[in-house]
């Protein structure tokens, strides 16, 4: 009877994920995982046919953890702004995981982030929220949310490359200004601009979203 493995499959994945978090997916090798588990590289091949299979497990965990965190935006008002803040904050706090999932580092994927459908269901209530808040059509609200996503992803990429650039107050202000610029553009085009309302909105462009009070 072969000896019982010293480590479970989950422990191997945990070690590989921790290595990815600390150094990046490029450092995930059987040898490095073995070192982390204080053993030889052999435990990896007890459970996986090769490193590609293990890296797919890492990717799937990273995708779930990141989307779960970002999806918490629905518990905030406005949710679409919290979505952008969480996207950027996740990139800042977990740069190597962000690179793996949203910048395709080490794992080939045809598209990234919201484009590949990771957040399709999440975008639906955000589009509804934008329509209600700013009196926009469905198409206008979809355009605004998509542009906000692209802007957030750009800031996130900067934070990944240069982590000293993270300043949540400034980022919130930037997201707010981009949002209001888009809204006012739609209002001007449609001839529905309200100067008083626009001025009030500008005063609150930098406001941080507030968490919803959940009824017990």
Protein backbone atom coordinates (compact mmCIF):
# COMPACT_ATOMS: atom_id res chain seq x y z
CA UNK A 1 0.00 0.00 0.00
CA UNK A 2 1.48 3.41 -0.97
CA UNK A 3 2.21 5.80 1.91
CA UNK A 4 -0.53 8.24 2.83
CA UNK A 5 0.21 11.77 1.53
CA UNK A 6 1.42 14.17 4.22
CA UNK A 7 -0.59 17.02 2.76
CA UNK A 8 -4.15 17.27 1.47
CA UNK A 9 -5.07 18.66 -1.93
CA UNK A 10 -6.50 21.74 -0.24
CA UNK A 11 -3.26 22.35 1.65
CA UNK A 12 -1.32 22.20 -1.61
CA UNK A 13 -3.71 24.70 -3.21
CA UNK A 14 -3.49 26.93 -0.11
CA UNK A 15 0.31 26.93 -0.34
CA UNK A 16 0.23 27.69 -4.06
CA UNK A 17 -2.32 30.48 -3.57
CA UNK A 18 -0.27 32.05 -0.77
CA UNK A 19 2.78 31.95 -3.03
CA UNK A 20 0.80 33.62 -5.81
CA UNK A 21 -0.43 36.31 -3.43
CA UNK A 22 3.07 37.05 -2.17
CA UNK A 23 5.19 36.75 -5.32
CA UNK A 24 2.95 36.20 -8.35
CA UNK A 25 1.84 33.24 -10.45
CA UNK A 26 5.23 33.09 -12.18
CA UNK A 27 6.81 31.89 -8.92
CA UNK A 28 4.41 28.98 -8.51
CA UNK A 29 6.53 25.90 -9.16
CA UNK A 30 6.52 22.43 -7.62
CA UNK A 31 9.86 23.21 -5.99
CA UNK A 32 8.66 26.47 -4.43
CA UNK A 33 5.45 24.88 -3.15
CA UNK A 34 7.47 22.03 -1.69
CA UNK A 35 9.66 24.55 0.13
CA UNK A 36 6.59 26.30 1.51
CA UNK A 37 5.28 22.97 2.80
CA UNK A 38 8.75 22.02 4.06
CA UNK A 39 8.82 18.93 1.88
CA UNK A 40 9.81 17.75 -1.60
CA UNK A 41 7.92 18.77 -4.78
CA UNK A 42 6.15 15.39 -4.92
CA UNK A 43 2.90 16.32 -3.07
CA UNK A 44 1.85 18.43 -6.04
CA UNK A 45 1.87 15.49 -8.41
CA UNK A 46 -0.11 13.34 -5.98
CA UNK A 47 -3.17 15.45 -6.75
CA UNK A 48 -2.43 17.19 -10.07
CA UNK A 49 -1.28 15.94 -13.46
CA UNK A 50 0.88 19.03 -13.86
CA UNK A 51 1.37 22.67 -12.90
CA UNK A 52 -1.19 23.91 -15.44
CA UNK A 53 -3.92 22.02 -13.60
CA UNK A 54 -2.84 23.49 -10.27
CA UNK A 55 -2.67 27.01 -11.73
CA UNK A 56 -6.21 26.63 -13.00
CA UNK A 57 -7.29 25.88 -9.41
CA UNK A 58 -5.47 29.01 -8.26
CA UNK A 59 -7.15 31.07 -10.98
CA UNK A 60 -10.63 29.82 -10.10
CA UNK A 61 -10.11 30.60 -6.40
CA UNK A 62 -8.71 34.04 -7.22
CA UNK A 63 -11.64 34.78 -9.53
CA UNK A 64 -14.19 33.76 -6.89
CA UNK A 65 -12.55 35.67 -4.05
CA UNK A 66 -12.16 38.85 -6.09
CA UNK A 67 -15.68 38.76 -7.51
CA UNK A 68 -17.18 37.99 -4.09
CA UNK A 69 -15.39 41.01 -2.63
CA UNK A 70 -16.35 43.37 -5.47
CA UNK A 71 -19.95 42.11 -5.49
CA UNK A 72 -20.37 43.44 -1.94
CA UNK A 73 -20.85 46.83 -3.63
CA UNK A 74 -24.58 46.07 -3.82
CA UNK A 75 -24.76 46.66 -0.06
CA UNK A 76 -23.77 50.31 -0.58
CA UNK A 77 -25.30 53.51 -1.97
CA UNK A 78 -24.44 54.36 -4.68
CA UNK A 79 -23.54 50.79 -5.62
CA UNK A 80 -21.98 51.67 -8.97
CA UNK A 81 -19.44 53.97 -7.31
CA UNK A 82 -18.65 51.42 -4.60
CA UNK A 83 -18.07 48.92 -7.41
CA UNK A 84 -15.32 51.14 -8.82
CA UNK A 85 -13.77 51.77 -5.41
CA UNK A 86 -13.73 48.07 -4.56
CA UNK A 87 -12.27 47.17 -7.93
CA UNK A 88 -9.40 49.61 -7.37
CA UNK A 89 -8.96 48.74 -3.68
CA UNK A 90 -8.71 45.04 -4.51
CA UNK A 91 -6.00 45.77 -7.08
CA UNK A 92 -4.08 47.80 -4.51
CA UNK A 93 -4.39 45.27 -1.70
CA UNK A 94 -3.90 42.13 -3.84
CA UNK A 95 -1.75 43.21 -6.79
CA UNK A 96 -0.51 39.75 -7.75
CA UNK A 97 -3.98 38.22 -7.63
CA UNK A 98 -5.34 41.16 -9.65
CA UNK A 99 -2.63 40.65 -12.25
CA UNK A 100 -3.57 37.00 -12.54
CA UNK A 101 -7.33 37.47 -12.89
CA UNK A 102 -7.73 40.86 -14.58
CA UNK A 103 -4.44 41.38 -16.40
CA UNK A 104 -4.10 37.77 -17.64
CA UNK A 105 -0.67 37.25 -16.10
CA UNK A 106 0.32 33.61 -16.50
CA UNK A 107 -3.15 32.31 -17.38
CA UNK A 108 -4.52 32.84 -20.90
CA UNK A 109 -8.07 34.14 -21.11
CA UNK A 110 -9.81 35.69 -24.14
CA UNK A 111 -11.06 38.73 -22.20
CA UNK A 112 -10.82 40.18 -18.71
CA UNK A 113 -12.96 41.53 -15.90
CA UNK A 114 -16.45 42.76 -16.62
CA UNK A 115 -15.95 42.17 -20.36
CA UNK A 116 -15.86 38.36 -20.03
CA UNK A 117 -19.10 38.16 -18.09
CA UNK A 118 -17.72 37.92 -14.55
CA UNK A 119 -19.93 40.83 -13.51
CA UNK A 120 -22.82 40.68 -15.99
CA UNK A 121 -25.40 39.92 -13.30
CA UNK A 122 -23.90 42.54 -11.01
CA UNK A 123 -24.15 45.28 -13.65
CA UNK A 124 -27.93 44.87 -14.03
CA UNK A 125 -28.92 46.44 -10.67
CA UNK A 126 -26.24 49.11 -11.11
CA UNK A 127 -27.71 50.16 -14.45
CA UNK A 128 -31.13 50.39 -12.78
CA UNK A 129 -29.66 52.49 -9.98
CA UNK A 130 -28.02 54.88 -12.45
CA UNK A 131 -31.26 55.26 -14.42
CA UNK A 132 -33.17 56.11 -11.25
CA UNK A 133 -30.55 58.51 -9.86
CA UNK A 134 -29.94 60.47 -13.06
CA UNK A 135 -33.10 59.99 -15.15
CA UNK A 136 -31.27 58.30 -18.02
CA UNK A 137 -32.39 55.82 -20.65
CA UNK A 138 -31.28 52.19 -20.43
CA UNK A 139 -28.71 52.76 -23.17
CA UNK A 140 -27.33 55.89 -21.49
CA UNK A 141 -27.12 54.15 -18.12
CA UNK A 142 -25.31 51.17 -19.67
CA UNK A 143 -22.85 53.52 -21.35
CA UNK A 144 -22.20 55.35 -18.08
CA UNK A 145 -21.60 52.13 -16.14
CA UNK A 146 -19.29 50.75 -18.84
CA UNK A 147 -17.27 53.98 -18.94
CA UNK A 148 -17.02 54.00 -15.15
CA UNK A 149 -15.74 50.41 -15.26
CA UNK A 150 -13.10 51.31 -17.82
CA UNK A 151 -12.00 54.32 -15.76
CA UNK A 152 -11.79 52.19 -12.61
CA UNK A 153 -9.78 49.53 -14.38
CA UNK A 154 -7.33 52.16 -15.60
CA UNK A 155 -6.78 53.49 -12.07
CA UNK A 156 -6.49 49.93 -10.76
CA UNK A 157 -3.74 49.17 -13.29
CA UNK A 158 -1.81 52.25 -12.12
CA UNK A 159 -2.16 51.16 -8.47
CA UNK A 160 -0.87 47.70 -9.33
CA UNK A 161 2.21 49.10 -11.03
CA UNK A 162 2.82 51.94 -8.56
CA UNK A 163 1.21 51.22 -5.21
CA UNK A 164 2.18 54.63 -3.81
CA UNK A 165 -0.50 56.14 -6.06
CA UNK A 166 -3.40 54.82 -3.97
CA UNK A 167 -5.41 57.59 -2.29
CA UNK A 168 -9.03 56.58 -1.73
CA UNK A 169 -10.31 60.13 -1.26
CA UNK A 170 -8.77 61.28 -4.54
CA UNK A 171 -9.97 58.16 -6.32
CA UNK A 172 -13.51 58.70 -5.06
CA UNK A 173 -13.37 62.28 -6.30
CA UNK A 174 -12.08 61.12 -9.70
CA UNK A 175 -14.83 58.52 -10.09
CA UNK A 176 -17.43 61.08 -9.08
CA UNK A 177 -16.19 63.67 -11.54
CA UNK A 178 -16.15 61.20 -14.43
CA UNK A 179 -19.66 60.04 -13.56
CA UNK A 180 -21.07 63.56 -13.39
CA UNK A 181 -19.32 64.59 -16.61
CA UNK A 182 -21.04 61.73 -18.39
CA UNK A 183 -24.40 62.50 -16.80
CA UNK A 184 -24.23 66.17 -17.72
CA UNK A 185 -23.22 65.26 -21.25
CA UNK A 186 -26.39 63.20 -21.58
CA UNK A 187 -28.50 65.97 -20.04
CA UNK A 188 -27.08 68.60 -22.39
CA UNK A 189 -27.63 66.35 -25.39
CA UNK A 190 -31.22 65.67 -24.34
CA UNK A 191 -31.95 69.28 -23.35
CA UNK A 192 -32.84 68.24 -19.81
CA UNK A 193 -30.01 69.80 -17.79
CA UNK A 194 -30.94 71.18 -14.39
CA UNK A 195 -28.22 73.64 -13.34
CA UNK A 196 -29.24 73.65 -9.69
CA UNK A 197 -29.23 69.86 -9.45
CA UNK A 198 -25.94 69.66 -11.35
CA UNK A 199 -24.31 72.14 -8.96
CA UNK A 200 -25.53 70.15 -5.95
CA UNK A 201 -24.19 66.92 -7.42
CA UNK A 202 -20.78 68.49 -8.04
CA UNK A 203 -20.53 69.40 -4.35
CA UNK A 204 -20.83 65.71 -3.48
CA UNK A 205 -18.68 64.26 -6.27
CA UNK A 206 -16.08 62.99 -3.81
CA UNK A 207 -18.47 61.43 -1.30
CA UNK A 208 -17.65 57.87 -0.22
CA UNK A 209 -20.61 55.45 -0.66
CA UNK A 210 -22.51 54.56 2.51
CA UNK A 211 -23.35 51.03 3.59
CA UNK A 212 -27.03 50.14 3.54
CA UNK A 213 -28.69 49.52 6.88
CA UNK A 214 -29.88 45.91 6.79
CA UNK A 215 -33.14 45.34 8.61
CA UNK A 216 -33.01 42.68 11.30
